[in-house]
N, C-alpha and C. Protein backbone atom coordinates (compact mmCIF):
# COMPACT_ATOMS: atom_id res chain seq x y z
N MET A 1 -55.77 -129.44 -211.53
CA MET A 1 -56.93 -128.77 -212.02
C MET A 1 -56.75 -128.53 -213.53
N LYS A 2 -57.84 -128.72 -214.26
CA LYS A 2 -57.81 -128.47 -215.70
C LYS A 2 -58.53 -127.16 -216.00
N LEU A 3 -57.96 -126.42 -216.94
CA LEU A 3 -58.54 -125.16 -217.36
C LEU A 3 -59.31 -125.38 -218.66
N GLY A 4 -60.59 -125.05 -218.66
CA GLY A 4 -61.41 -125.24 -219.83
C GLY A 4 -62.23 -124.02 -220.14
N ALA A 5 -62.88 -124.00 -221.28
CA ALA A 5 -63.75 -122.93 -221.68
C ALA A 5 -64.96 -123.53 -222.39
N ASN A 6 -66.05 -122.81 -222.38
CA ASN A 6 -67.28 -123.25 -223.01
C ASN A 6 -67.27 -122.93 -224.49
N SER A 7 -67.76 -123.85 -225.28
CA SER A 7 -67.81 -123.64 -226.73
C SER A 7 -68.80 -122.55 -227.13
N VAL A 8 -69.63 -122.08 -226.20
CA VAL A 8 -70.58 -120.99 -226.49
C VAL A 8 -69.82 -119.74 -226.94
N LEU A 9 -68.58 -119.62 -226.54
CA LEU A 9 -67.76 -118.48 -226.96
C LEU A 9 -67.58 -118.45 -228.48
N PHE A 10 -67.84 -119.59 -229.11
CA PHE A 10 -67.67 -119.72 -230.56
C PHE A 10 -69.01 -119.98 -231.23
N GLY A 11 -70.10 -119.52 -230.63
CA GLY A 11 -71.42 -119.65 -231.22
C GLY A 11 -71.43 -119.02 -232.59
N GLY A 12 -72.03 -119.68 -233.54
CA GLY A 12 -72.02 -119.20 -234.93
C GLY A 12 -70.89 -119.75 -235.75
N TYR A 13 -69.95 -120.42 -235.10
CA TYR A 13 -68.82 -121.05 -235.80
C TYR A 13 -68.92 -122.56 -235.62
N PRO A 14 -68.33 -123.31 -236.52
CA PRO A 14 -68.33 -124.77 -236.36
C PRO A 14 -67.60 -125.18 -235.07
N LEU A 15 -67.98 -126.31 -234.53
CA LEU A 15 -67.37 -126.80 -233.31
C LEU A 15 -65.85 -126.95 -233.44
N GLU A 16 -65.39 -127.35 -234.60
CA GLU A 16 -63.96 -127.50 -234.78
C GLU A 16 -63.21 -126.19 -234.53
N THR A 17 -63.81 -125.07 -234.86
CA THR A 17 -63.20 -123.77 -234.60
C THR A 17 -62.97 -123.59 -233.10
N ALA A 18 -63.93 -123.96 -232.30
CA ALA A 18 -63.77 -123.86 -230.86
C ALA A 18 -62.61 -124.75 -230.38
N PHE A 19 -62.57 -125.97 -230.84
CA PHE A 19 -61.49 -126.88 -230.47
C PHE A 19 -60.11 -126.30 -230.87
N ARG A 20 -60.03 -125.82 -232.10
CA ARG A 20 -58.76 -125.32 -232.62
C ARG A 20 -58.25 -124.13 -231.79
N TYR A 21 -59.11 -123.15 -231.56
CA TYR A 21 -58.67 -121.95 -230.87
C TYR A 21 -58.45 -122.17 -229.37
N LEU A 22 -59.22 -123.04 -228.76
CA LEU A 22 -58.98 -123.34 -227.35
C LEU A 22 -57.67 -124.09 -227.17
N ALA A 23 -57.38 -125.00 -228.08
CA ALA A 23 -56.10 -125.72 -228.03
C ALA A 23 -54.94 -124.75 -228.25
N MET A 24 -55.08 -123.84 -229.23
CA MET A 24 -54.01 -122.87 -229.51
C MET A 24 -53.77 -121.95 -228.31
N ALA A 25 -54.84 -121.66 -227.56
CA ALA A 25 -54.73 -120.76 -226.41
C ALA A 25 -54.19 -121.46 -225.17
N GLY A 26 -54.01 -122.80 -225.26
CA GLY A 26 -53.41 -123.53 -224.15
C GLY A 26 -54.39 -124.11 -223.14
N TYR A 27 -55.69 -124.11 -223.45
CA TYR A 27 -56.65 -124.73 -222.54
C TYR A 27 -56.47 -126.23 -222.50
N ASP A 28 -56.90 -126.81 -221.40
CA ASP A 28 -56.81 -128.26 -221.21
C ASP A 28 -58.04 -129.00 -221.72
N GLY A 29 -59.19 -128.30 -221.74
CA GLY A 29 -60.42 -128.98 -222.11
C GLY A 29 -61.47 -128.03 -222.59
N ILE A 30 -62.63 -128.61 -222.90
CA ILE A 30 -63.74 -127.85 -223.46
C ILE A 30 -65.04 -128.32 -222.81
N GLU A 31 -65.93 -127.36 -222.56
CA GLU A 31 -67.29 -127.64 -222.13
C GLU A 31 -68.17 -127.44 -223.36
N LEU A 32 -68.90 -128.46 -223.74
CA LEU A 32 -69.73 -128.38 -224.95
C LEU A 32 -71.02 -127.65 -224.69
N SER A 33 -71.36 -126.72 -225.56
CA SER A 33 -72.57 -125.95 -225.42
C SER A 33 -73.72 -126.64 -226.17
N ALA A 34 -74.83 -126.84 -225.45
CA ALA A 34 -76.05 -127.41 -226.03
C ALA A 34 -77.18 -126.43 -225.76
N ILE A 35 -77.03 -125.19 -226.22
CA ILE A 35 -78.00 -124.14 -225.95
C ILE A 35 -78.76 -123.86 -227.24
N ASP A 36 -80.00 -124.31 -227.27
CA ASP A 36 -80.85 -124.15 -228.45
C ASP A 36 -80.91 -122.70 -228.90
N GLY A 37 -80.67 -122.47 -230.20
CA GLY A 37 -80.78 -121.14 -230.77
C GLY A 37 -79.62 -120.22 -230.48
N MET A 38 -78.64 -120.67 -229.70
CA MET A 38 -77.52 -119.80 -229.37
C MET A 38 -76.19 -120.40 -229.79
N SER A 39 -75.97 -121.60 -229.33
CA SER A 39 -74.74 -122.31 -229.65
C SER A 39 -75.05 -123.79 -229.62
N GLU A 40 -75.32 -124.34 -230.76
CA GLU A 40 -75.77 -125.72 -230.83
C GLU A 40 -74.63 -126.66 -231.27
N HIS A 41 -73.53 -126.57 -230.57
CA HIS A 41 -72.41 -127.46 -230.89
C HIS A 41 -72.72 -128.89 -230.52
N LEU A 42 -73.62 -129.08 -229.59
CA LEU A 42 -74.10 -130.41 -229.24
C LEU A 42 -75.62 -130.36 -229.22
N VAL A 43 -76.25 -130.99 -230.19
CA VAL A 43 -77.70 -131.08 -230.26
C VAL A 43 -78.08 -132.34 -229.48
N LEU A 44 -78.70 -132.17 -228.35
CA LEU A 44 -78.93 -133.30 -227.44
C LEU A 44 -79.71 -134.42 -228.09
N GLU A 45 -80.66 -134.09 -228.95
CA GLU A 45 -81.46 -135.13 -229.59
C GLU A 45 -80.62 -135.98 -230.55
N ARG A 46 -79.43 -135.49 -230.91
CA ARG A 46 -78.57 -136.21 -231.86
C ARG A 46 -77.22 -136.58 -231.25
N TRP A 47 -77.12 -136.62 -229.93
CA TRP A 47 -75.79 -136.80 -229.31
C TRP A 47 -75.13 -138.11 -229.72
N ARG A 48 -75.89 -139.16 -229.90
CA ARG A 48 -75.29 -140.44 -230.29
C ARG A 48 -74.63 -140.35 -231.68
N GLU A 49 -75.27 -139.64 -232.57
CA GLU A 49 -74.75 -139.44 -233.92
C GLU A 49 -73.52 -138.52 -233.91
N LEU A 50 -73.52 -137.50 -233.06
CA LEU A 50 -72.45 -136.51 -233.02
C LEU A 50 -71.24 -136.94 -232.19
N ALA A 51 -71.45 -137.83 -231.23
CA ALA A 51 -70.40 -138.23 -230.27
C ALA A 51 -69.10 -138.69 -230.94
N PRO A 52 -69.12 -139.54 -231.95
CA PRO A 52 -67.84 -139.99 -232.54
C PRO A 52 -67.02 -138.84 -233.11
N ASP A 53 -67.67 -137.90 -233.77
CA ASP A 53 -66.93 -136.74 -234.33
C ASP A 53 -66.37 -135.85 -233.22
N ILE A 54 -67.15 -135.67 -232.17
CA ILE A 54 -66.71 -134.84 -231.05
C ILE A 54 -65.51 -135.50 -230.35
N LYS A 55 -65.59 -136.81 -230.16
CA LYS A 55 -64.44 -137.50 -229.55
C LYS A 55 -63.21 -137.42 -230.40
N GLN A 56 -63.38 -137.49 -231.73
CA GLN A 56 -62.25 -137.36 -232.63
C GLN A 56 -61.65 -135.95 -232.56
N LEU A 57 -62.47 -134.93 -232.48
CA LEU A 57 -61.97 -133.57 -232.34
C LEU A 57 -61.17 -133.42 -231.04
N ALA A 58 -61.70 -133.99 -229.97
CA ALA A 58 -61.00 -133.92 -228.68
C ALA A 58 -59.63 -134.58 -228.77
N LYS A 59 -59.57 -135.72 -229.42
CA LYS A 59 -58.31 -136.44 -229.59
C LYS A 59 -57.35 -135.65 -230.47
N SER A 60 -57.87 -135.16 -231.60
CA SER A 60 -57.02 -134.43 -232.55
C SER A 60 -56.42 -133.18 -231.96
N TYR A 61 -57.18 -132.48 -231.13
CA TYR A 61 -56.70 -131.21 -230.58
C TYR A 61 -56.18 -131.35 -229.15
N GLY A 62 -56.19 -132.56 -228.61
CA GLY A 62 -55.63 -132.79 -227.28
C GLY A 62 -56.41 -132.10 -226.15
N LEU A 63 -57.72 -132.02 -226.30
CA LEU A 63 -58.54 -131.37 -225.27
C LEU A 63 -59.44 -132.40 -224.60
N ALA A 64 -59.55 -132.28 -223.30
CA ALA A 64 -60.47 -133.14 -222.55
C ALA A 64 -61.90 -132.62 -222.71
N LEU A 65 -62.85 -133.53 -222.76
CA LEU A 65 -64.26 -133.16 -222.75
C LEU A 65 -64.68 -133.03 -221.29
N LEU A 66 -64.86 -131.81 -220.82
CA LEU A 66 -65.05 -131.56 -219.40
C LEU A 66 -66.50 -131.55 -218.95
N ALA A 67 -67.41 -131.04 -219.75
CA ALA A 67 -68.80 -130.90 -219.32
C ALA A 67 -69.69 -130.59 -220.51
N ILE A 68 -70.99 -130.64 -220.26
CA ILE A 68 -72.00 -130.21 -221.23
C ILE A 68 -72.81 -129.12 -220.57
N LYS A 69 -73.02 -128.01 -221.25
CA LYS A 69 -73.84 -126.90 -220.75
C LYS A 69 -75.15 -126.91 -221.48
N GLN A 70 -76.23 -127.13 -220.73
CA GLN A 70 -77.59 -127.03 -221.28
C GLN A 70 -78.41 -126.35 -220.19
N PRO A 71 -79.04 -125.22 -220.49
CA PRO A 71 -79.68 -124.42 -219.46
C PRO A 71 -81.09 -124.84 -219.08
N SER A 72 -81.68 -125.77 -219.77
CA SER A 72 -83.08 -126.15 -219.54
C SER A 72 -83.23 -126.91 -218.21
N ARG A 73 -84.33 -126.67 -217.56
CA ARG A 73 -84.68 -127.43 -216.35
C ARG A 73 -85.67 -128.55 -216.66
N ASP A 74 -85.95 -128.71 -217.95
CA ASP A 74 -86.84 -129.76 -218.41
C ASP A 74 -86.20 -131.12 -218.11
N ALA A 75 -86.92 -131.98 -217.43
CA ALA A 75 -86.38 -133.27 -217.03
C ALA A 75 -85.87 -134.11 -218.21
N ALA A 76 -86.61 -134.10 -219.31
CA ALA A 76 -86.18 -134.89 -220.47
C ALA A 76 -84.87 -134.38 -221.05
N LYS A 77 -84.72 -133.05 -221.17
CA LYS A 77 -83.49 -132.47 -221.68
C LYS A 77 -82.33 -132.76 -220.73
N MET A 78 -82.58 -132.69 -219.43
CA MET A 78 -81.53 -132.97 -218.45
C MET A 78 -81.08 -134.42 -218.58
N GLU A 79 -82.00 -135.34 -218.80
CA GLU A 79 -81.65 -136.75 -218.99
C GLU A 79 -80.81 -136.95 -220.26
N GLN A 80 -81.17 -136.25 -221.34
CA GLN A 80 -80.43 -136.37 -222.58
C GLN A 80 -79.00 -135.86 -222.38
N ALA A 81 -78.85 -134.75 -221.68
CA ALA A 81 -77.52 -134.21 -221.40
C ALA A 81 -76.71 -135.17 -220.56
N HIS A 82 -77.35 -135.77 -219.56
CA HIS A 82 -76.66 -136.74 -218.70
C HIS A 82 -76.23 -137.97 -219.51
N ALA A 83 -77.11 -138.43 -220.37
CA ALA A 83 -76.79 -139.62 -221.20
C ALA A 83 -75.63 -139.31 -222.14
N GLY A 84 -75.56 -138.06 -222.63
CA GLY A 84 -74.50 -137.68 -223.55
C GLY A 84 -73.13 -137.62 -222.92
N CYS A 85 -73.09 -137.59 -221.60
CA CYS A 85 -71.82 -137.54 -220.89
C CYS A 85 -71.16 -138.91 -220.79
N GLY A 86 -71.88 -139.95 -221.11
CA GLY A 86 -71.37 -141.29 -220.93
C GLY A 86 -70.42 -141.75 -221.93
């Protein structure tokens, strides 16, 4: 089992801050927050553009990308979140 935490805990801070502190705390992975207006570490409309940097952060800090959190039940947003997991 892998222990992870959601990047929403670092809302208002750059995504790299979440990676750095979760790695320092000994977590195995991170769940990326895509919550509009709260913690936009992953903007679903731009996931293709953001993915290379996110993958590099995961590699640099030794954290697995475990999940994406997006609270919307909108079918289009859910599809974007699903596509971003690939």
